[in-house]
């Protein structure tokens, strides 16, 4: 079962992934250069990596 902390980080990660699909087709629609979406996806990827680190930080300690 997921505890409250894991649920919170899971929702945050899901929102970030959703933004990775939503933003390029809405706010960045007029940006015709490939690096517009690439920069967004690179930043979101770094945020996802950070969120996964925060999510899994205490997993070994709860036993």
PDB file of N, CA and C in Angstrom:
ATOM      1  N   UNK A   1       0.832  -1.191   0.000  1.00  0.00           N
ATOM      2  CA  UNK A   1       0.000   0.000   0.000  1.00  0.00           C
ATOM      3  C   UNK A   1       0.874   1.250   0.000  1.00  0.00           C
ATOM      4  N   UNK A   2       0.354   2.279  -0.587  1.00  0.00           N
ATOM      5  CA  UNK A   2       1.065   3.552  -0.629  1.00  0.00           C
ATOM      6  C   UNK A   2       0.704   4.380   0.596  1.00  0.00           C
ATOM      7  N   UNK A   3       1.714   5.025   1.171  1.00  0.00           N
ATOM      8  CA  UNK A   3       1.416   5.940   2.256  1.00  0.00           C
ATOM      9  C   UNK A   3       1.129   7.325   1.658  1.00  0.00           C
ATOM     10  N   UNK A   4       0.820   8.277   2.512  1.00  0.00           N
ATOM     11  CA  UNK A   4       0.433   9.613   2.038  1.00  0.00           C
ATOM     12  C   UNK A   4       1.566  10.310   1.280  1.00  0.00           C
ATOM     13  N   UNK A   5       2.795  10.128   1.746  1.00  0.00           N
ATOM     14  CA  UNK A   5       3.951  10.751   1.085  1.00  0.00           C
ATOM     15  C   UNK A   5       4.119  10.210  -0.332  1.00  0.00           C
ATOM     16  N   UNK A   6       3.985   8.898  -0.491  1.00  0.00           N
ATOM     17  CA  UNK A   6       4.121   8.288  -1.812  1.00  0.00           C
ATOM     18  C   UNK A   6       2.985   8.700  -2.737  1.00  0.00           C
ATOM     19  N   UNK A   7       1.785   8.816  -2.207  1.00  0.00           N
ATOM     20  CA  UNK A   7       0.653   9.280  -3.014  1.00  0.00           C
ATOM     21  C   UNK A   7       0.887  10.699  -3.514  1.00  0.00           C
ATOM     22  N   UNK A   8       1.387  11.563  -2.615  1.00  0.00           N
ATOM     23  CA  UNK A   8       1.644  12.959  -2.982  1.00  0.00           C
ATOM     24  C   UNK A   8       2.661  13.033  -4.119  1.00  0.00           C
ATOM     25  N   UNK A   9       3.790  12.332  -3.961  1.00  0.00           N
ATOM     26  CA  UNK A   9       4.820  12.368  -5.001  1.00  0.00           C
ATOM     27  C   UNK A   9       4.342  11.693  -6.282  1.00  0.00           C
ATOM     28  N   UNK A  10       3.518  10.672  -6.171  1.00  0.00           N
ATOM     29  CA  UNK A  10       2.959  10.031  -7.362  1.00  0.00           C
ATOM     30  C   UNK A  10       2.082  10.981  -8.158  1.00  0.00           C
ATOM     31  N   UNK A  11       1.283  11.766  -7.459  1.00  0.00           N
ATOM     32  CA  UNK A  11       0.424  12.752  -8.123  1.00  0.00           C
ATOM     33  C   UNK A  11       1.277  13.842  -8.768  1.00  0.00           C
ATOM     34  N   UNK A  12       2.314  14.291  -8.079  1.00  0.00           N
ATOM     35  CA  UNK A  12       3.206  15.310  -8.639  1.00  0.00           C
ATOM     36  C   UNK A  12       3.869  14.796  -9.914  1.00  0.00           C
ATOM     37  N   UNK A  13       4.351  13.558  -9.889  1.00  0.00           N
ATOM     38  CA  UNK A  13       4.996  12.979 -11.065  1.00  0.00           C
ATOM     39  C   UNK A  13       3.996  12.847 -12.213  1.00  0.00           C
ATOM     40  N   UNK A  14       2.773  12.419 -11.913  1.00  0.00           N
ATOM     41  CA  UNK A  14       1.747  12.293 -12.960  1.00  0.00           C
ATOM     42  C   UNK A  14       1.435  13.651 -13.586  1.00  0.00           C
ATOM     43  N   UNK A  15       1.365  14.700 -12.780  1.00  0.00           N
ATOM     44  CA  UNK A  15       1.095  16.049 -13.308  1.00  0.00           C
ATOM     45  C   UNK A  15       2.232  16.503 -14.210  1.00  0.00           C
ATOM     46  N   UNK A  16       3.472  16.253 -13.807  1.00  0.00           N
ATOM     47  CA  UNK A  16       4.616  16.662 -14.618  1.00  0.00           C
ATOM     48  C   UNK A  16       4.611  15.925 -15.958  1.00  0.00           C
ATOM     49  N   UNK A  17       4.313  14.624 -15.925  1.00  0.00           N
ATOM     50  CA  UNK A  17       4.232  13.857 -17.175  1.00  0.00           C
ATOM     51  C   UNK A  17       3.121  14.399 -18.057  1.00  0.00           C
ATOM     52  N   UNK A  18       1.977  14.711 -17.472  1.00  0.00           N
ATOM     53  CA  UNK A  18       0.859  15.282 -18.236  1.00  0.00           C
ATOM     54  C   UNK A  18       1.250  16.614 -18.864  1.00  0.00           C
ATOM     55  N   UNK A  19       1.992  17.444 -18.124  1.00  0.00           N
ATOM     56  CA  UNK A  19       2.446  18.726 -18.673  1.00  0.00           C
ATOM     57  C   UNK A  19       3.392  18.522 -19.850  1.00  0.00           C
ATOM     58  N   UNK A  20       4.168  17.439 -19.823  1.00  0.00           N
ATOM     59  CA  UNK A  20       5.067  17.130 -20.930  1.00  0.00           C
ATOM     60  C   UNK A  20       4.326  16.885 -22.236  1.00  0.00           C
ATOM     61  N   UNK A  21       3.097  16.425 -22.140  1.00  0.00           N
ATOM     62  CA  UNK A  21       2.268  16.243 -23.329  1.00  0.00           C
ATOM     63  C   UNK A  21       1.435  17.481 -23.637  1.00  0.00           C
ATOM     64  N   UNK A  22       0.927  18.137 -22.612  1.00  0.00           N
ATOM     65  CA  UNK A  22       0.005  19.246 -22.796  1.00  0.00           C
ATOM     66  C   UNK A  22       0.681  20.528 -23.301  1.00  0.00           C
ATOM     67  N   UNK A  23       1.766  20.924 -22.666  1.00  0.00           N
ATOM     68  CA  UNK A  23       2.393  22.211 -22.977  1.00  0.00           C
ATOM     69  C   UNK A  23       2.883  22.343 -24.422  1.00  0.00           C
ATOM     70  N   UNK A  24       3.524  21.340 -25.009  1.00  0.00           N
ATOM     71  CA  UNK A  24       3.985  21.517 -26.390  1.00  0.00           C
ATOM     72  C   UNK A  24       2.845  21.726 -27.395  1.00  0.00           C
ATOM     73  N   UNK A  25       1.669  21.181 -27.090  1.00  0.00           N
ATOM     74  CA  UNK A  25       0.548  21.304 -28.018  1.00  0.00           C
ATOM     75  C   UNK A  25      -0.376  22.475 -27.701  1.00  0.00           C
ATOM     76  N   UNK A  26      -0.096  23.188 -26.620  1.00  0.00           N
ATOM     77  CA  UNK A  26      -0.930  24.348 -26.279  1.00  0.00           C
ATOM     78  C   UNK A  26      -0.082  25.623 -26.247  1.00  0.00           C
ATOM     79  N   UNK A  27       0.680  25.808 -25.188  1.00  0.00           N
ATOM     80  CA  UNK A  27       1.441  27.045 -25.032  1.00  0.00           C
ATOM     81  C   UNK A  27       2.594  27.167 -26.028  1.00  0.00           C
ATOM     82  N   UNK A  28       3.219  26.057 -26.385  1.00  0.00           N
ATOM     83  CA  UNK A  28       4.373  26.102 -27.295  1.00  0.00           C
ATOM     84  C   UNK A  28       3.991  25.775 -28.743  1.00  0.00           C
ATOM     85  N   UNK A  29       2.724  25.852 -29.074  1.00  0.00           N
ATOM     86  CA  UNK A  29       2.251  25.520 -30.418  1.00  0.00           C
ATOM     87  C   UNK A  29       2.876  26.420 -31.484  1.00  0.00           C
ATOM     88  N   UNK A  30       3.093  27.664 -31.161  1.00  0.00           N
ATOM     89  CA  UNK A  30       3.628  28.621 -32.128  1.00  0.00           C
ATOM     90  C   UNK A  30       5.149  28.578 -32.250  1.00  0.00           C
ATOM     91  N   UNK A  31       5.820  27.849 -31.367  1.00  0.00           N
ATOM     92  CA  UNK A  31       7.275  27.722 -31.437  1.00  0.00           C
ATOM     93  C   UNK A  31       7.590  26.648 -32.469  1.00  0.00           C
ATOM     94  N   UNK A  32       8.151  27.054 -33.603  1.00  0.00           N
ATOM     95  CA  UNK A  32       8.386  26.101 -34.686  1.00  0.00           C
ATOM     96  C   UNK A  32       9.751  25.441 -34.603  1.00  0.00           C
ATOM     97  N   UNK A  33      10.629  25.951 -33.769  1.00  0.00           N
ATOM     98  CA  UNK A  33      11.958  25.361 -33.623  1.00  0.00           C
ATOM     99  C   UNK A  33      11.874  24.117 -32.739  1.00  0.00           C
ATOM    100  N   UNK A  34      12.642  23.104 -33.082  1.00  0.00           N
ATOM    101  CA  UNK A  34      12.617  21.847 -32.328  1.00  0.00           C
ATOM    102  C   UNK A  34      13.097  22.035 -30.903  1.00  0.00           C
ATOM    103  N   UNK A  35      13.957  23.025 -30.660  1.00  0.00           N
ATOM    104  CA  UNK A  35      14.533  23.186 -29.328  1.00  0.00           C
ATOM    105  C   UNK A  35      13.541  23.757 -28.322  1.00  0.00           C
ATOM    106  N   UNK A  36      12.407  24.261 -28.767  1.00  0.00           N
ATOM    107  CA  UNK A  36      11.384  24.745 -27.823  1.00  0.00           C
ATOM    108  C   UNK A  36      10.839  23.603 -26.986  1.00  0.00           C
ATOM    109  N   UNK A  37      10.388  22.544 -27.648  1.00  0.00           N
ATOM    110  CA  UNK A  37       9.875  21.390 -26.925  1.00  0.00           C
ATOM    111  C   UNK A  37      11.003  20.615 -26.257  1.00  0.00           C
ATOM    112  N   UNK A  38      12.159  20.538 -26.907  1.00  0.00           N
ATOM    113  CA  UNK A  38      13.276  19.798 -26.324  1.00  0.00           C
ATOM    114  C   UNK A  38      13.703  20.406 -25.001  1.00  0.00           C
ATOM    115  N   UNK A  39      13.769  21.721 -24.932  1.00  0.00           N
ATOM    116  CA  UNK A  39      14.137  22.390 -23.681  1.00  0.00           C
ATOM    117  C   UNK A  39      13.102  22.090 -22.602  1.00  0.00           C
ATOM    118  N   UNK A  40      11.829  22.147 -22.966  1.00  0.00           N
ATOM    119  CA  UNK A  40      10.772  21.837 -22.006  1.00  0.00           C
ATOM    120  C   UNK A  40      10.917  20.406 -21.507  1.00  0.00           C
ATOM    121  N   UNK A  41      11.108  19.453 -22.412  1.00  0.00           N
ATOM    122  CA  UNK A  41      11.203  18.044 -22.014  1.00  0.00           C
ATOM    123  C   UNK A  41      12.466  17.792 -21.198  1.00  0.00           C
ATOM    124  N   UNK A  42      13.539  18.491 -21.487  1.00  0.00           N
ATOM    125  CA  UNK A  42      14.768  18.331 -20.702  1.00  0.00           C
ATOM    126  C   UNK A  42      14.554  18.835 -19.275  1.00  0.00           C
ATOM    127  N   UNK A  43      13.916  19.978 -19.134  1.00  0.00           N
ATOM    128  CA  UNK A  43      13.643  20.526 -17.801  1.00  0.00           C
ATOM    129  C   UNK A  43      12.680  19.624 -17.040  1.00  0.00           C
ATOM    130  N   UNK A  44      11.615  19.169 -17.714  1.00  0.00           N
ATOM    131  CA  UNK A  44      10.670  18.271 -17.049  1.00  0.00           C
ATOM    132  C   UNK A  44      11.341  16.952 -16.672  1.00  0.00           C
ATOM    133  N   UNK A  45      12.261  16.473 -17.503  1.00  0.00           N
ATOM    134  CA  UNK A  45      12.987  15.251 -17.188  1.00  0.00           C
ATOM    135  C   UNK A  45      13.830  15.402 -15.938  1.00  0.00           C
ATOM    136  N   UNK A  46      14.491  16.524 -15.796  1.00  0.00           N
ATOM    137  CA  UNK A  46      15.288  16.786 -14.594  1.00  0.00           C
ATOM    138  C   UNK A  46      14.383  16.873 -13.368  1.00  0.00           C
ATOM    139  N   UNK A  47      13.238  17.498 -13.516  1.00  0.00           N
ATOM    140  CA  UNK A  47      12.295  17.587 -12.399  1.00  0.00           C
ATOM    141  C   UNK A  47      11.773  16.203 -12.021  1.00  0.00           C
ATOM    142  N   UNK A  48      11.498  15.359 -13.014  1.00  0.00           N
ATOM    143  CA  UNK A  48      11.033  13.992 -12.748  1.00  0.00           C
ATOM    144  C   UNK A  48      12.100  13.191 -12.015  1.00  0.00           C
ATOM    145  N   UNK A  49      13.348  13.311 -12.432  1.00  0.00           N
ATOM    146  CA  UNK A  49      14.439  12.611 -11.754  1.00  0.00           C
ATOM    147  C   UNK A  49      14.528  13.062 -10.300  1.00  0.00           C
ATOM    148  N   UNK A  50      14.440  14.360 -10.057  1.00  0.00           N
ATOM    149  CA  UNK A  50      14.469  14.888  -8.695  1.00  0.00           C
ATOM    150  C   UNK A  50      13.289  14.354  -7.880  1.00  0.00           C
ATOM    151  N   UNK A  51      12.087  14.336  -8.487  1.00  0.00           N
ATOM    152  CA  UNK A  51      10.897  13.852  -7.780  1.00  0.00           C
ATOM    153  C   UNK A  51      11.033  12.365  -7.455  1.00  0.00           C
ATOM    154  N   UNK A  52      11.605  11.579  -8.352  1.00  0.00           N
ATOM    155  CA  UNK A  52      11.809  10.156  -8.076  1.00  0.00           C
ATOM    156  C   UNK A  52      12.812   9.946  -6.949  1.00  0.00           C
ATOM    157  N   UNK A  53      13.834  10.772  -6.896  1.00  0.00           N
ATOM    158  CA  UNK A  53      14.799  10.682  -5.794  1.00  0.00           C
ATOM    159  C   UNK A  53      14.098  10.984  -4.473  1.00  0.00           C
ATOM    160  N   UNK A  54      13.283  12.031  -4.444  1.00  0.00           N
ATOM    161  CA  UNK A  54      12.561  12.379  -3.220  1.00  0.00           C
ATOM    162  C   UNK A  54      11.575  11.273  -2.839  1.00  0.00           C
ATOM    163  N   UNK A  55      10.940  10.661  -3.838  1.00  0.00           N
ATOM    164  CA  UNK A  55       9.962   9.616  -3.582  1.00  0.00           C
ATOM    165  C   UNK A  55      10.612   8.371  -2.978  1.00  0.00           C
ATOM    166  N   UNK A  56      11.760   7.995  -3.478  1.00  0.00           N
ATOM    167  CA  UNK A  56      12.399   6.743  -3.054  1.00  0.00           C
ATOM    168  C   UNK A  56      13.440   6.934  -1.954  1.00  0.00           C
ATOM    169  N   UNK A  57      13.577   8.114  -1.431  1.00  0.00           N
ATOM    170  CA  UNK A  57      14.597   8.412  -0.439  1.00  0.00           C
ATOM    171  C   UNK A  57      14.509   7.535   0.812  1.00  0.00           C
ATOM    172  N   UNK A  58      13.361   7.311   1.342  1.00  0.00           N
ATOM    173  CA  UNK A  58      13.244   6.594   2.611  1.00  0.00           C
ATOM    174  C   UNK A  58      12.761   5.172   2.480  1.00  0.00           C
ATOM    175  N   UNK A  59      12.780   4.573   1.317  1.00  0.00           N
ATOM    176  CA  UNK A  59      12.225   3.238   1.136  1.00  0.00           C
ATOM    177  C   UNK A  59      12.964   2.169   1.927  1.00  0.00           C
ATOM    178  N   UNK A  60      14.263   2.240   2.049  1.00  0.00           N
ATOM    179  CA  UNK A  60      15.014   1.215   2.766  1.00  0.00           C
ATOM    180  C   UNK A  60      14.902   1.334   4.280  1.00  0.00           C
ATOM    181  N   UNK A  61      14.469   2.464   4.783  1.00  0.00           N
ATOM    182  CA  UNK A  61      14.430   2.724   6.207  1.00  0.00           C
ATOM    183  C   UNK A  61      13.135   2.298   6.858  1.00  0.00           C
ATOM    184  N   UNK A  62      12.082   2.017   6.095  1.00  0.00           N
ATOM    185  CA  UNK A  62      10.770   1.760   6.666  1.00  0.00           C
ATOM    186  C   UNK A  62      10.560   0.302   7.051  1.00  0.00           C
ATOM    187  N   UNK A  63      11.537  -0.545   6.939  1.00  0.00           N
ATOM    188  CA  UNK A  63      11.348  -1.961   7.242  1.00  0.00           C
ATOM    189  C   UNK A  63      11.364  -2.256   8.692  1.00  0.00           C
TER     190      UNK A  63
END
